[in-house]
Amino acid sequence: MFPKKLSPGDEIRVIAPSTSFRIIASAVREIALRNLSALNLQVTYGKNCEESDEFNSSSAASRIADLHDAFATPRVKGILSAIGGYNSNQLLRYLDYELIEANPKVLCGFSDITALGTAIYAKTGMVTYSGPHFSTFGMEQGLEYTLEYFKKCLMDTVPFAVEPSSDWSDDSWYRDQRNRSFIPNDGFRVVNEGQAEGKLLGGNLCTLNLLQGTEYMPSLAGSILMVEDDYESKPLTFDRDLQSLIHQPGFEGVKGVVIGRFQRKSEMEPEKLVKIIRSKQELTSIPVVVNADFGHTTPQFTFPIGGKGRLVALDGEVRFTIVEH
């Protein structure tokens, strides 16, 4: 089940299902609002999103209320997470999945929001989206690619090819908008060649793994897995987290793997990543490509959790297409 695409004039609701909206600086909020207004989207906010506790979050009840209200309000056509965090999985047992299924609408976010979006897809069949938070739109520079693919995935209906960005950044842009550091992008790197077509699943790897063994984990069979992690995931951590996902029922039916770009503080060198991937016999017969533009570096493309993708990695070249979104 695909939610209706966003259209000019639509209202989108910002909620904080993980870290509180309060931590987002006023200047970043203003820029984000301006960038979303340029897409002709009208922004409103969950009534509890400013609530904040000692964990820089809010009560589960407040977060659930805002999410339920966003789905239940007819004029709200899309929902954006404020930012990521650590605890959106607290909400999963208490969500009204019948309400969500009866009112399908765009839900977009990444990082910790992987748990929320994946669980909703698993429980309702509604496709959700791994893509920018509200806070992401607060960049003054380097947002063009992110905006382009947000529109392609959430405002257009046709299939689209994902091309590598021209450059990327891993700086603390929210602290200094003027002095940015951009790095030329080498594009996709092929580790294992092959072709695959299947449903797209994934997002932040360590967050996705929180769903293992629960009713909130969708079947991996027939999927192209999209995985990435942030600076807290060092090579040894990523290795075991990837192996844990490989051990999940249905992994033998996975068609391919796309791995997002690592943050520099993760200390994941390209050859270490290749060695990790090639150490796993379960990956030898499927295409695996790395250095894709999604995750915790910028810019990022948006992709549908539960949508369909096609991956062709042959002769060192990659063609990655979002077929159904």
C-alpha atoms as a PDB file:
ATOM      1  CA  MET A   1       0.000   0.000   0.000  1.00  0.00           C
ATOM      2  CA  PHE A   2       1.475   3.289  -1.147  1.00  0.00           C
ATOM      3  CA  PRO A   3       0.348   6.550   0.465  1.00  0.00           C
ATOM      4  CA  LYS A   4      -0.757   9.366  -1.809  1.00  0.00           C
ATOM      5  CA  LYS A   5       2.082  11.561  -3.032  1.00  0.00           C
ATOM      6  CA  LEU A   6       2.559  15.033  -1.617  1.00  0.00           C
ATOM      7  CA  SER A   7       1.202  17.856  -3.754  1.00  0.00           C
ATOM      8  CA  PRO A   8       1.780  21.625  -3.751  1.00  0.00           C
ATOM      9  CA  GLY A   9      -0.233  23.197  -0.952  1.00  0.00           C
ATOM     10  CA  ASP A  10      -0.318  20.057   1.189  1.00  0.00           C
ATOM     11  CA  GLU A  11       0.077  20.278   4.943  1.00  0.00           C
ATOM     12  CA  ILE A  12       2.890  18.271   6.463  1.00  0.00           C
ATOM     13  CA  ARG A  13       3.098  17.668  10.192  1.00  0.00           C
ATOM     14  CA  VAL A  14       6.415  17.693  12.060  1.00  0.00           C
ATOM     15  CA  ILE A  15       6.509  15.332  15.032  1.00  0.00           C
ATOM     16  CA  ALA A  16       9.290  14.212  17.367  1.00  0.00           C
ATOM     17  CA  PRO A  17       8.955  10.434  17.823  1.00  0.00           C
ATOM     18  CA  SER A  18      12.523  10.211  19.146  1.00  0.00           C
ATOM     19  CA  THR A  19      14.632  13.218  20.209  1.00  0.00           C
ATOM     20  CA  SER A  20      12.728  16.375  21.062  1.00  0.00           C
ATOM     21  CA  PHE A  21      12.188  19.164  18.550  1.00  0.00           C
ATOM     22  CA  ARG A  22      13.481  21.494  21.251  1.00  0.00           C
ATOM     23  CA  ILE A  23      17.139  20.758  20.471  1.00  0.00           C
ATOM     24  CA  ILE A  24      16.810  22.217  16.951  1.00  0.00           C
ATOM     25  CA  ALA A  25      18.135  25.783  16.893  1.00  0.00           C
ATOM     26  CA  SER A  26      15.770  28.563  15.858  1.00  0.00           C
ATOM     27  CA  ALA A  27      17.971  29.532  12.889  1.00  0.00           C
ATOM     28  CA  VAL A  28      17.894  25.944  11.583  1.00  0.00           C
ATOM     29  CA  ARG A  29      14.113  25.867  12.006  1.00  0.00           C
ATOM     30  CA  GLU A  30      13.711  29.048  10.001  1.00  0.00           C
ATOM     31  CA  ILE A  31      15.813  27.758   7.111  1.00  0.00           C
ATOM     32  CA  ALA A  32      13.994  24.407   7.122  1.00  0.00           C
ATOM     33  CA  LEU A  33      10.640  26.151   7.037  1.00  0.00           C
ATOM     34  CA  ARG A  34      11.827  28.315   4.143  1.00  0.00           C
ATOM     35  CA  ASN A  35      13.062  25.313   2.151  1.00  0.00           C
ATOM     36  CA  LEU A  36       9.842  23.376   2.680  1.00  0.00           C
ATOM     37  CA  SER A  37       7.763  26.443   1.827  1.00  0.00           C
ATOM     38  CA  ALA A  38       9.707  26.657  -1.445  1.00  0.00           C
ATOM     39  CA  LEU A  39       8.257  23.204  -2.224  1.00  0.00           C
ATOM     40  CA  ASN A  40       4.798  24.696  -1.585  1.00  0.00           C
ATOM     41  CA  LEU A  41       4.342  22.545   1.503  1.00  0.00           C
ATOM     42  CA  GLN A  42       2.590  23.977   4.556  1.00  0.00           C
ATOM     43  CA  VAL A  43       4.250  23.016   7.840  1.00  0.00           C
ATOM     44  CA  THR A  44       2.484  22.422  11.151  1.00  0.00           C
ATOM     45  CA  TYR A  45       3.835  20.935  14.376  1.00  0.00           C
ATOM     46  CA  GLY A  46       2.743  18.275  16.815  1.00  0.00           C
ATOM     47  CA  LYS A  47       1.496  19.866  20.019  1.00  0.00           C
ATOM     48  CA  ASN A  48       3.948  17.870  22.152  1.00  0.00           C
ATOM     49  CA  CYS A  49       7.036  18.092  19.944  1.00  0.00           C
ATOM     50  CA  GLU A  50       8.744  20.738  22.135  1.00  0.00           C
ATOM     51  CA  GLU A  51       8.397  18.599  25.253  1.00  0.00           C
ATOM     52  CA  SER A  52      11.810  17.501  26.543  1.00  0.00           C
ATOM     53  CA  ASP A  53      13.065  15.414  29.444  1.00  0.00           C
ATOM     54  CA  GLU A  54      16.455  14.393  30.840  1.00  0.00           C
ATOM     55  CA  PHE A  55      16.953  12.160  27.787  1.00  0.00           C
ATOM     56  CA  ASN A  56      16.275  15.037  25.340  1.00  0.00           C
ATOM     57  CA  SER A  57      13.081  13.214  24.413  1.00  0.00           C
ATOM     58  CA  SER A  58       9.544  13.166  25.826  1.00  0.00           C
ATOM     59  CA  SER A  59       7.089  10.693  27.290  1.00  0.00           C
ATOM     60  CA  ALA A  60       6.006   7.830  25.070  1.00  0.00           C
ATOM     61  CA  ALA A  61       2.405   8.946  25.592  1.00  0.00           C
ATOM     62  CA  SER A  62       3.147  12.415  24.205  1.00  0.00           C
ATOM     63  CA  ARG A  63       4.975  11.063  21.190  1.00  0.00           C
ATOM     64  CA  ILE A  64       2.246   8.540  20.429  1.00  0.00           C
ATOM     65  CA  ALA A  65      -0.437  11.213  20.755  1.00  0.00           C
ATOM     66  CA  ASP A  66       1.305  13.414  18.201  1.00  0.00           C
ATOM     67  CA  LEU A  67       1.772  10.560  15.754  1.00  0.00           C
ATOM     68  CA  HIS A  68      -1.838   9.393  16.091  1.00  0.00           C
ATOM     69  CA  ASP A  69      -3.120  12.950  15.699  1.00  0.00           C
ATOM     70  CA  ALA A  70      -1.080  13.406  12.524  1.00  0.00           C
ATOM     71  CA  PHE A  71      -2.528  10.251  10.976  1.00  0.00           C
ATOM     72  CA  ALA A  72      -6.061  11.007  12.154  1.00  0.00           C
ATOM     73  CA  THR A  73      -6.191  14.619  10.902  1.00  0.00           C
ATOM     74  CA  PRO A  74      -7.505  14.595   7.313  1.00  0.00           C
ATOM     75  CA  ARG A  75      -5.842  17.846   6.246  1.00  0.00           C
ATOM     76  CA  VAL A  76      -2.384  16.454   7.155  1.00  0.00           C
ATOM     77  CA  LYS A  77      -1.019  14.732   4.049  1.00  0.00           C
ATOM     78  CA  GLY A  78       2.528  13.917   5.187  1.00  0.00           C
ATOM     79  CA  ILE A  79       4.547  13.479   8.364  1.00  0.00           C
ATOM     80  CA  LEU A  80       8.191  14.429   8.923  1.00  0.00           C
ATOM     81  CA  SER A  81      10.286  13.429  11.904  1.00  0.00           C
ATOM     82  CA  ALA A  82      11.925  16.398  13.606  1.00  0.00           C
ATOM     83  CA  ILE A  83      15.252  14.615  14.029  1.00  0.00           C
ATOM     84  CA  GLY A  84      16.568  11.150  14.923  1.00  0.00           C
ATOM     85  CA  GLY A  85      17.637   9.872  18.330  1.00  0.00           C
ATOM     86  CA  TYR A  86      17.554   6.571  20.179  1.00  0.00           C
ATOM     87  CA  ASN A  87      14.103   5.582  21.374  1.00  0.00           C
ATOM     88  CA  SER A  88      11.386   5.496  18.724  1.00  0.00           C
ATOM     89  CA  ASN A  89      11.163   1.724  19.296  1.00  0.00           C
ATOM     90  CA  GLN A  90       9.554   2.514  22.685  1.00  0.00           C
ATOM     91  CA  LEU A  91       6.391   3.400  20.788  1.00  0.00           C
ATOM     92  CA  LEU A  92       5.870   0.304  18.685  1.00  0.00           C
ATOM     93  CA  ARG A  93       3.693  -1.777  21.013  1.00  0.00           C
ATOM     94  CA  TYR A  94       1.328   1.115  21.679  1.00  0.00           C
ATOM     95  CA  LEU A  95       0.656   2.396  18.173  1.00  0.00           C
ATOM     96  CA  ASP A  96      -2.818   2.141  16.696  1.00  0.00           C
ATOM     97  CA  TYR A  97      -1.917   0.302  13.508  1.00  0.00           C
ATOM     98  CA  GLU A  98      -5.558   0.124  12.427  1.00  0.00           C
ATOM     99  CA  LEU A  99      -5.737   3.923  12.539  1.00  0.00           C
ATOM    100  CA  ILE A 100      -2.528   4.199  10.516  1.00  0.00           C
ATOM    101  CA  GLU A 101      -3.647   1.634   7.939  1.00  0.00           C
ATOM    102  CA  ALA A 102      -6.989   3.399   7.532  1.00  0.00           C
ATOM    103  CA  ASN A 103      -5.293   6.765   6.958  1.00  0.00           C
ATOM    104  CA  PRO A 104      -2.213   6.087   4.805  1.00  0.00           C
ATOM    105  CA  LYS A 105       0.062   9.068   4.362  1.00  0.00           C
ATOM    106  CA  VAL A 106       3.716   9.831   3.762  1.00  0.00           C
ATOM    107  CA  LEU A 107       5.961   9.248   6.792  1.00  0.00           C
ATOM    108  CA  CYS A 108       9.598  10.260   6.273  1.00  0.00           C
ATOM    109  CA  GLY A 109      12.717  10.213   8.440  1.00  0.00           C
ATOM    110  CA  PHE A 110      15.956   8.283   8.903  1.00  0.00           C
ATOM    111  CA  SER A 111      18.396   7.112  11.578  1.00  0.00           C
ATOM    112  CA  ASP A 112      16.366   6.070  14.654  1.00  0.00           C
ATOM    113  CA  ILE A 113      13.151   6.556  12.671  1.00  0.00           C
ATOM    114  CA  THR A 114      14.122   3.334  10.853  1.00  0.00           C
ATOM    115  CA  ALA A 115      12.442   1.411  13.686  1.00  0.00           C
ATOM    116  CA  LEU A 116       9.185   3.347  13.399  1.00  0.00           C
ATOM    117  CA  GLY A 117       8.931   3.310   9.611  1.00  0.00           C
ATOM    118  CA  THR A 118       9.860  -0.360   9.324  1.00  0.00           C
ATOM    119  CA  ALA A 119       7.441  -1.440  12.043  1.00  0.00           C
ATOM    120  CA  ILE A 120       4.575   0.453  10.413  1.00  0.00           C
ATOM    121  CA  TYR A 121       5.357  -1.215   7.091  1.00  0.00           C
ATOM    122  CA  ALA A 122       5.543  -4.653   8.749  1.00  0.00           C
ATOM    123  CA  LYS A 123       2.262  -4.236  10.633  1.00  0.00           C
ATOM    124  CA  THR A 124       0.153  -2.442   8.010  1.00  0.00           C
ATOM    125  CA  GLY A 125       1.781  -2.956   4.625  1.00  0.00           C
ATOM    126  CA  MET A 126       1.944   0.827   4.199  1.00  0.00           C
ATOM    127  CA  VAL A 127       5.132   1.951   2.503  1.00  0.00           C
ATOM    128  CA  THR A 128       7.120   4.482   4.551  1.00  0.00           C
ATOM    129  CA  TYR A 129      10.177   6.479   3.538  1.00  0.00           C
ATOM    130  CA  SER A 130      13.793   6.704   4.601  1.00  0.00           C
ATOM    131  CA  GLY A 131      14.760  10.284   3.898  1.00  0.00           C
ATOM    132  CA  PRO A 132      15.457  13.671   5.433  1.00  0.00           C
ATOM    133  CA  HIS A 133      14.184  14.883   8.783  1.00  0.00           C
ATOM    134  CA  PHE A 134      12.681  18.348   9.181  1.00  0.00           C
ATOM    135  CA  SER A 135      16.055  19.376  10.637  1.00  0.00           C
ATOM    136  CA  THR A 136      17.830  18.243   7.456  1.00  0.00           C
ATOM    137  CA  PHE A 137      16.012  20.952   5.525  1.00  0.00           C
ATOM    138  CA  GLY A 138      17.755  23.495   7.771  1.00  0.00           C
ATOM    139  CA  MET A 139      20.941  23.444   5.686  1.00  0.00           C
ATOM    140  CA  GLU A 140      21.919  26.612   3.875  1.00  0.00           C
ATOM    141  CA  GLN A 141      24.357  24.832   1.549  1.00  0.00           C
ATOM    142  CA  GLY A 142      24.611  21.380   0.014  1.00  0.00           C
ATOM    143  CA  LEU A 143      20.883  20.580   0.101  1.00  0.00           C
ATOM    144  CA  GLU A 144      20.154  20.504  -3.641  1.00  0.00           C
ATOM    145  CA  TYR A 145      20.623  16.756  -4.159  1.00  0.00           C
ATOM    146  CA  THR A 146      18.572  15.933  -1.057  1.00  0.00           C
ATOM    147  CA  LEU A 147      15.743  18.185  -2.249  1.00  0.00           C
ATOM    148  CA  GLU A 148      15.838  16.696  -5.748  1.00  0.00           C
ATOM    149  CA  TYR A 149      15.417  13.124  -4.549  1.00  0.00           C
ATOM    150  CA  PHE A 150      12.878  14.067  -1.874  1.00  0.00           C
ATOM    151  CA  LYS A 151      10.726  15.461  -4.675  1.00  0.00           C
ATOM    152  CA  LYS A 152      11.368  12.493  -6.997  1.00  0.00           C
ATOM    153  CA  CYS A 153      10.331   9.985  -4.327  1.00  0.00           C
ATOM    154  CA  LEU A 154       7.571  11.806  -2.441  1.00  0.00           C
ATOM    155  CA  MET A 155       6.058  14.228  -4.960  1.00  0.00           C
ATOM    156  CA  ASP A 156       6.433  12.426  -8.317  1.00  0.00           C
ATOM    157  CA  THR A 157       5.092   9.047  -9.428  1.00  0.00           C
ATOM    158  CA  VAL A 158       7.495   7.858 -12.125  1.00  0.00           C
ATOM    159  CA  PRO A 159      10.443   5.485 -11.563  1.00  0.00           C
ATOM    160  CA  PHE A 160      13.767   7.255 -11.152  1.00  0.00           C
ATOM    161  CA  ALA A 161      17.432   6.389 -11.362  1.00  0.00           C
ATOM    162  CA  VAL A 162      19.603   7.236  -8.364  1.00  0.00           C
ATOM    163  CA  GLU A 163      22.731   8.997  -9.563  1.00  0.00           C
ATOM    164  CA  PRO A 164      25.669   9.676  -7.213  1.00  0.00           C
ATOM    165  CA  SER A 165      25.976  13.185  -5.830  1.00  0.00           C
ATOM    166  CA  SER A 166      28.841  15.323  -7.110  1.00  0.00           C
ATOM    167  CA  ASP A 167      30.200  15.871  -3.608  1.00  0.00           C
ATOM    168  CA  TRP A 168      29.357  15.130   0.004  1.00  0.00           C
ATOM    169  CA  SER A 169      29.901  16.436   3.495  1.00  0.00           C
ATOM    170  CA  ASP A 170      30.306  15.087   7.007  1.00  0.00           C
ATOM    171  CA  ASP A 171      30.734  18.354   8.886  1.00  0.00           C
ATOM    172  CA  SER A 172      28.722  19.800  11.769  1.00  0.00           C
ATOM    173  CA  TRP A 173      26.746  22.057   9.447  1.00  0.00           C
ATOM    174  CA  TYR A 174      24.172  22.888  12.137  1.00  0.00           C
ATOM    175  CA  ARG A 175      26.925  24.598  14.167  1.00  0.00           C
ATOM    176  CA  ASP A 176      28.488  26.548  11.328  1.00  0.00           C
ATOM    177  CA  GLN A 177      26.450  27.066   8.166  1.00  0.00           C
ATOM    178  CA  ARG A 178      29.064  29.226   6.450  1.00  0.00           C
ATOM    179  CA  ASN A 179      32.297  27.233   6.737  1.00  0.00           C
ATOM    180  CA  ARG A 180      31.322  23.958   5.137  1.00  0.00           C
ATOM    181  CA  SER A 181      33.653  21.220   3.913  1.00  0.00           C
ATOM    182  CA  PHE A 182      32.634  19.346   0.749  1.00  0.00           C
ATOM    183  CA  ILE A 183      34.429  16.274  -0.582  1.00  0.00           C
ATOM    184  CA  PRO A 184      34.354  15.062  -4.222  1.00  0.00           C
ATOM    185  CA  ASN A 185      32.228  11.928  -4.501  1.00  0.00           C
ATOM    186  CA  ASP A 186      33.746   8.820  -6.057  1.00  0.00           C
ATOM    187  CA  GLY A 187      30.262   7.353  -6.530  1.00  0.00           C
ATOM    188  CA  PHE A 188      29.091   3.790  -6.061  1.00  0.00           C
ATOM    189  CA  ARG A 189      31.693   1.093  -5.581  1.00  0.00           C
ATOM    190  CA  VAL A 190      30.935  -2.461  -6.678  1.00  0.00           C
ATOM    191  CA  VAL A 191      32.022  -5.164  -4.246  1.00  0.00           C
ATOM    192  CA  ASN A 192      30.045  -8.059  -5.720  1.00  0.00           C
ATOM    193  CA  GLU A 193      28.631  -7.911  -9.238  1.00  0.00           C
ATOM    194  CA  GLY A 194      25.146  -9.018 -10.190  1.00  0.00           C
ATOM    195  CA  GLN A 195      21.573  -7.943 -10.839  1.00  0.00           C
ATOM    196  CA  ALA A 196      18.611  -7.806  -8.494  1.00  0.00           C
ATOM    197  CA  GLU A 197      15.055  -6.547  -8.279  1.00  0.00           C
ATOM    198  CA  GLY A 198      12.994  -6.594  -5.102  1.00  0.00           C
ATOM    199  CA  LYS A 199      11.354  -4.722  -2.266  1.00  0.00           C
ATOM    200  CA  LEU A 200      13.547  -2.168  -0.545  1.00  0.00           C
ATOM    201  CA  LEU A 201      14.069  -2.612   3.193  1.00  0.00           C
ATOM    202  CA  GLY A 202      16.447  -1.082   5.669  1.00  0.00           C
ATOM    203  CA  GLY A 203      17.896   2.186   6.822  1.00  0.00           C
ATOM    204  CA  ASN A 204      20.042   2.517   9.908  1.00  0.00           C
ATOM    205  CA  LEU A 205      21.495  -0.936  10.561  1.00  0.00           C
ATOM    206  CA  CYS A 206      21.815  -0.922  14.349  1.00  0.00           C
ATOM    207  CA  THR A 207      18.265   0.451  14.633  1.00  0.00           C
ATOM    208  CA  LEU A 208      16.854  -2.090  12.195  1.00  0.00           C
ATOM    209  CA  ASN A 209      18.473  -4.825  14.265  1.00  0.00           C
ATOM    210  CA  LEU A 210      16.440  -3.720  17.300  1.00  0.00           C
ATOM    211  CA  LEU A 211      13.447  -5.291  15.561  1.00  0.00           C
ATOM    212  CA  GLN A 212      14.976  -8.757  15.275  1.00  0.00           C
ATOM    213  CA  GLY A 213      12.774 -11.465  16.744  1.00  0.00           C
ATOM    214  CA  THR A 214       9.751  -9.177  17.047  1.00  0.00           C
ATOM    215  CA  GLU A 215       6.480  -8.811  15.170  1.00  0.00           C
ATOM    216  CA  TYR A 216       7.796  -5.481  13.851  1.00  0.00           C
ATOM    217  CA  MET A 217      10.461  -7.023  11.610  1.00  0.00           C
ATOM    218  CA  PRO A 218       9.282  -7.631   8.031  1.00  0.00           C
ATOM    219  CA  SER A 219      10.358 -10.671   6.094  1.00  0.00           C
ATOM    220  CA  LEU A 220      13.693 -10.128   4.370  1.00  0.00           C
ATOM    221  CA  ALA A 221      12.916 -12.601   1.596  1.00  0.00           C
ATOM    222  CA  GLY A 222      12.843 -11.011  -1.831  1.00  0.00           C
ATOM    223  CA  SER A 223      14.425  -7.768  -0.684  1.00  0.00           C
ATOM    224  CA  ILE A 224      17.236  -5.459  -1.617  1.00  0.00           C
ATOM    225  CA  LEU A 225      18.655  -4.385   1.736  1.00  0.00           C
ATOM    226  CA  MET A 226      19.645  -0.749   2.232  1.00  0.00           C
ATOM    227  CA  VAL A 227      21.887  -0.376   5.286  1.00  0.00           C
ATOM    228  CA  GLU A 228      24.016   2.380   6.778  1.00  0.00           C
ATOM    229  CA  ASP A 229      25.279   3.459  10.180  1.00  0.00           C
ATOM    230  CA  ASP A 230      26.644   6.518  11.936  1.00  0.00           C
ATOM    231  CA  TYR A 231      29.968   7.417  13.533  1.00  0.00           C
ATOM    232  CA  GLU A 232      29.236   5.246  16.579  1.00  0.00           C
ATOM    233  CA  SER A 233      29.536   2.166  14.380  1.00  0.00           C
ATOM    234  CA  LYS A 234      33.208   1.252  14.043  1.00  0.00           C
ATOM    235  CA  PRO A 235      34.318  -1.518  11.660  1.00  0.00           C
ATOM    236  CA  LEU A 236      34.075  -4.243  14.309  1.00  0.00           C
ATOM    237  CA  THR A 237      30.612  -3.055  15.339  1.00  0.00           C
ATOM    238  CA  PHE A 238      29.353  -2.858  11.764  1.00  0.00           C
ATOM    239  CA  ASP A 239      30.757  -6.329  11.058  1.00  0.00           C
ATOM    240  CA  ARG A 240      28.818  -7.985  13.846  1.00  0.00           C
ATOM    241  CA  ASP A 241      25.667  -5.936  13.218  1.00  0.00           C
ATOM    242  CA  LEU A 242      25.703  -6.957   9.569  1.00  0.00           C
ATOM    243  CA  GLN A 243      26.287 -10.577  10.565  1.00  0.00           C
ATOM    244  CA  SER A 244      23.331 -10.413  12.951  1.00  0.00           C
ATOM    245  CA  LEU A 245      21.095  -9.265  10.098  1.00  0.00           C
ATOM    246  CA  ILE A 246      22.432 -12.048   7.908  1.00  0.00           C
ATOM    247  CA  HIS A 247      21.347 -14.555  10.582  1.00  0.00           C
ATOM    248  CA  GLN A 248      17.715 -13.450  10.334  1.00  0.00           C
ATOM    249  CA  PRO A 249      15.128 -15.857   8.897  1.00  0.00           C
ATOM    250  CA  GLY A 250      14.560 -15.130   5.241  1.00  0.00           C
ATOM    251  CA  PHE A 251      17.988 -13.691   4.577  1.00  0.00           C
ATOM    252  CA  GLU A 252      18.661 -16.540   2.159  1.00  0.00           C
ATOM    253  CA  GLY A 253      16.060 -14.835  -0.059  1.00  0.00           C
ATOM    254  CA  VAL A 254      17.765 -11.423  -0.058  1.00  0.00           C
ATOM    255  CA  LYS A 255      18.480 -10.326  -3.633  1.00  0.00           C
ATOM    256  CA  GLY A 256      21.124  -7.609  -3.085  1.00  0.00           C
ATOM    257  CA  VAL A 257      22.662  -5.146  -0.631  1.00  0.00           C
ATOM    258  CA  VAL A 258      23.304  -1.414  -0.931  1.00  0.00           C
ATOM    259  CA  ILE A 259      25.431   0.170   1.804  1.00  0.00           C
ATOM    260  CA  GLY A 260      25.333   3.873   2.557  1.00  0.00           C
ATOM    261  CA  ARG A 261      28.376   6.083   2.996  1.00  0.00           C
ATOM    262  CA  PHE A 262      30.120   5.962   6.369  1.00  0.00           C
ATOM    263  CA  GLN A 263      30.917   8.979   8.495  1.00  0.00           C
ATOM    264  CA  ARG A 264      34.611   9.699   8.809  1.00  0.00           C
ATOM    265  CA  LYS A 265      34.620   9.169  12.591  1.00  0.00           C
ATOM    266  CA  SER A 266      33.488   5.600  12.043  1.00  0.00           C
ATOM    267  CA  GLU A 267      37.035   4.886  10.819  1.00  0.00           C
ATOM    268  CA  MET A 268      35.656   2.569   8.145  1.00  0.00           C
ATOM    269  CA  GLU A 269      38.321   2.486   5.445  1.00  0.00           C
ATOM    270  CA  PRO A 270      37.194   1.260   2.007  1.00  0.00           C
ATOM    271  CA  GLU A 271      39.339  -1.851   2.061  1.00  0.00           C
ATOM    272  CA  LYS A 272      38.133  -2.773   5.557  1.00  0.00           C
ATOM    273  CA  LEU A 273      34.549  -2.606   4.333  1.00  0.00           C
ATOM    274  CA  VAL A 274      35.340  -4.782   1.329  1.00  0.00           C
ATOM    275  CA  LYS A 275      37.037  -7.310   3.595  1.00  0.00           C
ATOM    276  CA  ILE A 276      34.024  -7.403   5.941  1.00  0.00           C
ATOM    277  CA  ILE A 277      31.643  -8.017   3.039  1.00  0.00           C
ATOM    278  CA  ARG A 278      33.815 -10.674   1.409  1.00  0.00           C
ATOM    279  CA  SER A 279      34.216 -12.507   4.715  1.00  0.00           C
ATOM    280  CA  LYS A 280      30.524 -13.409   4.624  1.00  0.00           C
ATOM    281  CA  GLN A 281      29.687 -16.423   2.474  1.00  0.00           C
ATOM    282  CA  GLU A 282      26.002 -15.456   2.472  1.00  0.00           C
ATOM    283  CA  LEU A 283      26.823 -12.390   0.346  1.00  0.00           C
ATOM    284  CA  THR A 284      29.011 -14.011  -2.296  1.00  0.00           C
ATOM    285  CA  SER A 285      26.205 -14.790  -4.748  1.00  0.00           C
ATOM    286  CA  ILE A 286      24.340 -11.468  -4.638  1.00  0.00           C
ATOM    287  CA  PRO A 287      25.267  -7.949  -5.811  1.00  0.00           C
ATOM    288  CA  VAL A 288      26.681  -5.679  -3.125  1.00  0.00           C
ATOM    289  CA  VAL A 289      27.498  -2.023  -3.712  1.00  0.00           C
ATOM    290  CA  VAL A 290      28.788   0.551  -1.241  1.00  0.00           C
ATOM    291  CA  ASN A 291      29.249   4.326  -0.895  1.00  0.00           C
ATOM    292  CA  ALA A 292      25.631   5.177  -1.682  1.00  0.00           C
ATOM    293  CA  ASP A 293      24.200   8.603  -0.856  1.00  0.00           C
ATOM    294  CA  PHE A 294      21.997   7.789   2.116  1.00  0.00           C
ATOM    295  CA  GLY A 295      22.492   7.775   5.851  1.00  0.00           C
ATOM    296  CA  HIS A 296      24.329  10.126   8.170  1.00  0.00           C
ATOM    297  CA  THR A 297      26.434  12.037   5.664  1.00  0.00           C
ATOM    298  CA  THR A 298      24.912  14.594   3.350  1.00  0.00           C
ATOM    299  CA  PRO A 299      23.388  14.754   0.828  1.00  0.00           C
ATOM    300  CA  GLN A 300      20.975  11.815   0.801  1.00  0.00           C
ATOM    301  CA  PHE A 301      18.404  10.303  -1.483  1.00  0.00           C
ATOM    302  CA  THR A 302      14.972   9.235  -0.243  1.00  0.00           C
ATOM    303  CA  PHE A 303      13.856   5.638  -0.754  1.00  0.00           C
ATOM    304  CA  PRO A 304      10.641   3.730   0.009  1.00  0.00           C
ATOM    305  CA  ILE A 305      10.634   1.117   2.768  1.00  0.00           C
ATOM    306  CA  GLY A 306       8.533  -1.574   1.135  1.00  0.00           C
ATOM    307  CA  GLY A 307       8.773  -0.096  -2.366  1.00  0.00           C
ATOM    308  CA  LYS A 308      10.587  -1.759  -5.245  1.00  0.00           C
ATOM    309  CA  GLY A 309      14.084  -1.194  -6.556  1.00  0.00           C
ATOM    310  CA  ARG A 310      16.320  -2.558  -9.278  1.00  0.00           C
ATOM    311  CA  LEU A 311      20.087  -2.920  -8.890  1.00  0.00           C
ATOM    312  CA  VAL A 312      22.485  -3.665 -11.745  1.00  0.00           C
ATOM    313  CA  ALA A 313      26.165  -3.883 -10.807  1.00  0.00           C
ATOM    314  CA  LEU A 314      28.175  -5.139 -13.774  1.00  0.00           C
ATOM    315  CA  ASP A 315      31.606  -4.364 -15.207  1.00  0.00           C
ATOM    316  CA  GLY A 316      32.300  -1.977 -12.338  1.00  0.00           C
ATOM    317  CA  GLU A 317      29.258   0.163 -13.171  1.00  0.00           C
ATOM    318  CA  VAL A 318      26.106   0.605 -11.094  1.00  0.00           C
ATOM    319  CA  ARG A 319      22.553   1.399 -12.141  1.00  0.00           C
ATOM    320  CA  PHE A 320      20.181   1.717  -9.231  1.00  0.00           C
ATOM    321  CA  THR A 321      16.538   2.522  -9.941  1.00  0.00           C
ATOM    322  CA  ILE A 322      13.616   3.144  -7.621  1.00  0.00           C
ATOM    323  CA  VAL A 323      10.897   1.384  -9.593  1.00  0.00           C
ATOM    324  CA  GLU A 324       7.854   1.679  -7.312  1.00  0.00           C
ATOM    325  CA  HIS A 325       7.587   4.313  -4.611  1.00  0.00           C
END
